[in-house]
Amino acid sequence: MNRRNLLALLLSLPIIASCEPKDAMPEEAKKPAPLPKVPEGSEVITLGAGCFWCVEAVYRQIPGVEAAVSGYMGGTVAKPTYEQVCTGSTGHAEVVQVVYDPKKLSTEKLLEWFWHLHDPTTLNKQGADEGPQYRSAIFYHTDAQKAVAEKSKKEAQSEFKSPIVTEITKAGEFYPAENYHQDYYFQNKNKNGYCRMVISPKLEKLKLNH
């Protein structure tokens, strides 16, 4: 069962889910979020590690991260919607674009978090979420990031029994996801079943459940 089906199931159970159906949301919530601001001296990297709600919830809590915006990258359709990406037919991955201060958080350390927050050995799958939109991916924005990512991937392999399948690809167009996806975990952690059943345990494991 993928995340979309799980959410549908949870929404049918009023005791454990109280998230509004999308049709009941205000129009502003359905609009794409703005691109993240990048202060002078900051760097940007874009990461795919399954559900972007999970990835964003992790990186928002890491010192040195200045912004973490959920969105889509790596596909062939311009300005895709969440519903389009969910079909797995657009080629996009659910990603989080991370803006960070390299003086406070090195790219190496940022990627250490990446390897630990998901299973990079499962192709197009994270837990119950299946499809190319959930693939493990590092979209680099500079040649220096590419070199660090390739080295980091080799070093991380020793921690996993199966081969790492994470793609390392030059960043393309980033499309911010709809406003209602932004900061999703912290806005819904006490009322959404997926947050409590999937994201909270992951944050507990990483000692980040604040």
Protein backbone atom coordinates (compact mmCIF):
# COMPACT_ATOMS: atom_id res chain seq x y z
CA MET A 1 0.00 0.00 0.00
CA ASN A 2 1.53 3.32 -1.02
CA ARG A 3 1.27 6.59 0.90
CA ARG A 4 -1.65 7.88 -1.14
CA ASN A 5 -3.69 4.73 -0.48
CA LEU A 6 -2.68 4.74 3.16
CA LEU A 7 -3.81 8.33 3.49
CA ALA A 8 -7.14 7.44 1.87
CA LEU A 9 -7.56 4.63 4.39
CA LEU A 10 -6.65 6.87 7.31
CA LEU A 11 -8.99 9.58 6.13
CA SER A 12 -11.80 7.02 6.25
CA LEU A 13 -11.10 6.47 9.94
CA PRO A 14 -12.13 9.63 11.84
CA ILE A 15 -10.56 8.42 15.08
CA ILE A 16 -7.00 8.53 13.75
CA ALA A 17 -7.16 11.09 10.97
CA SER A 18 -8.72 14.52 10.78
CA CYS A 19 -6.88 16.00 7.82
CA GLU A 20 -9.16 17.96 5.50
CA PRO A 21 -9.84 16.49 2.05
CA LYS A 22 -8.00 18.51 -0.56
CA ASP A 23 -11.25 19.80 -2.10
CA ALA A 24 -12.10 21.47 1.22
CA MET A 25 -8.81 23.36 1.37
CA PRO A 26 -8.62 27.08 0.61
CA GLU A 27 -7.28 27.86 -2.86
CA GLU A 28 -4.13 29.43 -1.41
CA ALA A 29 -3.16 26.08 0.13
CA LYS A 30 -3.29 24.43 -3.29
CA LYS A 31 -0.95 26.95 -4.94
CA PRO A 32 2.77 26.14 -5.36
CA ALA A 33 4.97 27.49 -2.58
CA PRO A 34 7.56 30.16 -3.44
CA LEU A 35 11.13 29.20 -4.22
CA PRO A 36 13.40 29.25 -1.17
CA LYS A 37 15.46 32.36 -0.58
CA VAL A 38 19.21 31.80 -0.80
CA PRO A 39 21.25 34.23 1.33
CA GLU A 40 24.69 35.28 0.09
CA GLY A 41 27.26 32.64 0.98
CA SER A 42 24.67 29.86 1.31
CA GLU A 43 24.48 26.74 -0.83
CA VAL A 44 21.60 24.73 -2.26
CA ILE A 45 21.28 20.97 -2.70
CA THR A 46 18.18 18.97 -3.62
CA LEU A 47 17.50 15.55 -2.12
CA GLY A 48 15.04 12.75 -2.78
CA ALA A 49 14.59 10.09 -0.10
CA GLY A 50 11.01 8.91 -0.35
CA CYS A 51 8.14 10.94 1.08
CA PHE A 52 9.12 14.61 1.04
CA TRP A 53 7.19 15.21 4.25
CA CYS A 54 9.70 12.94 6.03
CA VAL A 55 12.79 14.51 4.46
CA GLU A 56 11.64 18.05 5.15
CA ALA A 57 10.80 17.20 8.77
CA VAL A 58 14.38 16.01 9.28
CA TYR A 59 16.24 18.85 7.59
CA ARG A 60 14.17 21.62 9.17
CA GLN A 61 15.66 20.61 12.52
CA ILE A 62 19.35 20.41 11.56
CA PRO A 63 21.51 23.37 12.64
CA GLY A 64 22.94 25.19 9.64
CA VAL A 65 19.89 24.57 7.44
CA GLU A 66 18.29 27.87 6.50
CA ALA A 67 15.35 26.56 4.44
CA ALA A 68 13.87 23.23 3.40
CA VAL A 69 11.17 23.31 0.73
CA SER A 70 9.27 20.26 -0.54
CA GLY A 71 8.86 19.95 -4.29
CA TYR A 72 9.50 18.01 -7.47
CA MET A 73 12.56 17.52 -9.69
CA GLY A 74 13.87 15.22 -12.37
CA GLY A 75 10.80 14.88 -14.59
CA THR A 76 9.58 15.87 -18.01
CA VAL A 77 6.37 17.76 -17.23
CA ALA A 78 6.53 21.48 -16.50
CA LYS A 79 4.88 22.70 -13.30
CA PRO A 80 3.58 19.28 -12.23
CA THR A 81 0.88 18.91 -9.60
CA TYR A 82 1.02 16.50 -6.69
CA GLU A 83 -1.69 14.37 -8.33
CA GLN A 84 0.37 14.12 -11.54
CA VAL A 85 3.56 13.19 -9.70
CA CYS A 86 1.67 10.57 -7.66
CA THR A 87 0.93 8.64 -10.85
CA GLY A 88 4.67 8.02 -11.32
CA SER A 89 4.35 8.97 -14.99
CA THR A 90 5.95 12.44 -14.97
CA GLY A 91 9.46 11.25 -14.10
CA HIS A 92 9.71 13.56 -11.10
CA ALA A 93 10.99 12.59 -7.69
CA GLU A 94 9.51 14.02 -4.52
CA VAL A 95 12.42 16.11 -3.23
CA VAL A 96 13.36 18.69 -0.66
CA GLN A 97 15.49 21.64 -1.71
CA VAL A 98 17.80 22.43 1.18
CA VAL A 99 19.44 25.84 1.63
CA TYR A 100 22.33 25.65 4.08
CA ASP A 101 25.21 27.68 5.46
CA PRO A 102 28.40 25.75 4.61
CA LYS A 103 30.20 27.50 7.48
CA LYS A 104 27.81 25.85 9.94
CA LEU A 105 26.94 22.64 8.09
CA SER A 106 29.29 21.02 5.60
CA THR A 107 27.96 19.18 2.57
CA GLU A 108 29.61 16.03 3.96
CA LYS A 109 27.68 16.29 7.23
CA LEU A 110 24.45 17.19 5.43
CA LEU A 111 24.75 13.99 3.38
CA GLU A 112 25.48 11.91 6.47
CA TRP A 113 21.96 12.76 7.58
CA PHE A 114 20.70 11.81 4.13
CA TRP A 115 22.06 8.26 4.31
CA HIS A 116 20.57 7.70 7.74
CA LEU A 117 17.10 9.12 7.16
CA HIS A 118 16.09 6.52 4.55
CA ASP A 119 17.06 3.20 2.97
CA PRO A 120 19.15 4.05 -0.12
CA THR A 121 19.30 0.40 -1.21
CA THR A 122 15.65 0.03 -2.25
CA LEU A 123 14.90 1.04 -5.84
CA ASN A 124 11.89 3.34 -6.24
CA LYS A 125 10.58 2.38 -2.82
CA GLN A 126 10.61 3.59 0.78
CA GLY A 127 8.56 1.47 3.13
CA ALA A 128 4.99 1.32 1.82
CA ASP A 129 5.62 4.16 -0.65
CA GLU A 130 6.40 2.72 -4.08
CA GLY A 131 7.07 4.29 -7.46
CA PRO A 132 9.78 6.32 -9.21
CA GLN A 133 8.60 9.45 -7.43
CA TYR A 134 10.00 7.97 -4.21
CA ARG A 135 13.45 7.18 -5.58
CA SER A 136 16.63 7.94 -3.69
CA ALA A 137 18.43 10.82 -5.39
CA ILE A 138 21.01 13.54 -4.84
CA PHE A 139 20.61 16.43 -7.25
CA TYR A 140 23.83 18.42 -7.06
CA HIS A 141 24.04 22.13 -7.91
CA THR A 142 27.83 22.47 -8.20
CA ASP A 143 30.73 20.28 -9.31
CA ALA A 144 32.06 20.43 -5.76
CA GLN A 145 28.79 18.96 -4.46
CA LYS A 146 28.97 16.21 -7.07
CA ALA A 147 32.44 15.18 -5.90
CA VAL A 148 31.36 15.20 -2.26
CA ALA A 149 28.21 13.19 -3.08
CA GLU A 150 30.14 10.51 -4.98
CA LYS A 151 32.68 10.17 -2.17
CA SER A 152 29.97 10.13 0.46
CA LYS A 153 28.06 7.40 -1.39
CA LYS A 154 31.15 5.18 -1.52
CA GLU A 155 31.83 5.69 2.16
CA ALA A 156 28.20 5.04 3.12
CA GLN A 157 28.15 1.70 1.29
CA SER A 158 29.99 0.04 4.17
CA GLU A 159 26.92 0.65 6.37
CA PHE A 160 24.56 -1.31 4.10
CA LYS A 161 24.51 -4.98 3.08
CA SER A 162 22.85 -4.30 -0.27
CA PRO A 163 24.18 -1.96 -2.98
CA ILE A 164 23.17 1.69 -2.71
CA VAL A 165 20.98 2.63 -5.67
CA THR A 166 20.91 6.40 -5.07
CA GLU A 167 21.24 8.38 -8.28
CA ILE A 168 23.59 11.35 -8.32
CA THR A 169 22.33 13.77 -10.95
CA LYS A 170 22.82 17.40 -11.89
CA ALA A 171 19.94 19.49 -10.59
CA GLY A 172 17.30 20.52 -13.07
CA GLU A 173 14.21 22.68 -12.70
CA PHE A 174 12.83 22.65 -9.18
CA TYR A 175 9.08 22.98 -8.79
CA PRO A 176 7.98 23.76 -5.22
CA ALA A 177 5.09 21.60 -4.07
CA GLU A 178 1.74 23.04 -3.11
CA ASN A 179 1.58 25.15 0.05
CA TYR A 180 -0.28 22.48 2.00
CA HIS A 181 2.72 20.15 1.68
CA GLN A 182 5.14 22.63 3.24
CA ASP A 183 6.04 22.02 6.89
CA TYR A 184 3.51 19.22 6.68
CA TYR A 185 4.69 17.14 9.60
CA PHE A 186 4.82 19.95 12.13
CA GLN A 187 1.43 21.26 11.01
CA ASN A 188 -0.23 17.83 11.15
CA LYS A 189 1.74 15.57 13.48
CA ASN A 190 -1.00 15.37 16.10
CA LYS A 191 -3.90 14.87 13.73
CA ASN A 192 -2.64 12.94 10.71
CA GLY A 193 -2.23 9.16 10.91
CA TYR A 194 0.63 9.01 8.39
CA CYS A 195 2.62 11.49 10.47
CA ARG A 196 2.15 9.48 13.66
CA MET A 197 2.62 6.05 12.10
CA VAL A 198 5.49 6.75 9.68
CA ILE A 199 7.25 10.06 10.28
CA SER A 200 7.29 10.27 14.08
CA PRO A 201 9.07 6.90 14.53
CA LYS A 202 11.68 7.96 11.97
CA LEU A 203 12.36 11.20 13.84
CA GLU A 204 12.52 9.33 17.14
CA LYS A 205 15.17 7.05 15.65
CA LEU A 206 17.19 10.08 14.51
CA LYS A 207 16.64 11.80 17.88
CA LEU A 208 14.94 14.71 16.12
CA ASN A 209 11.32 14.44 17.26
CA HIS A 210 10.91 17.97 18.63
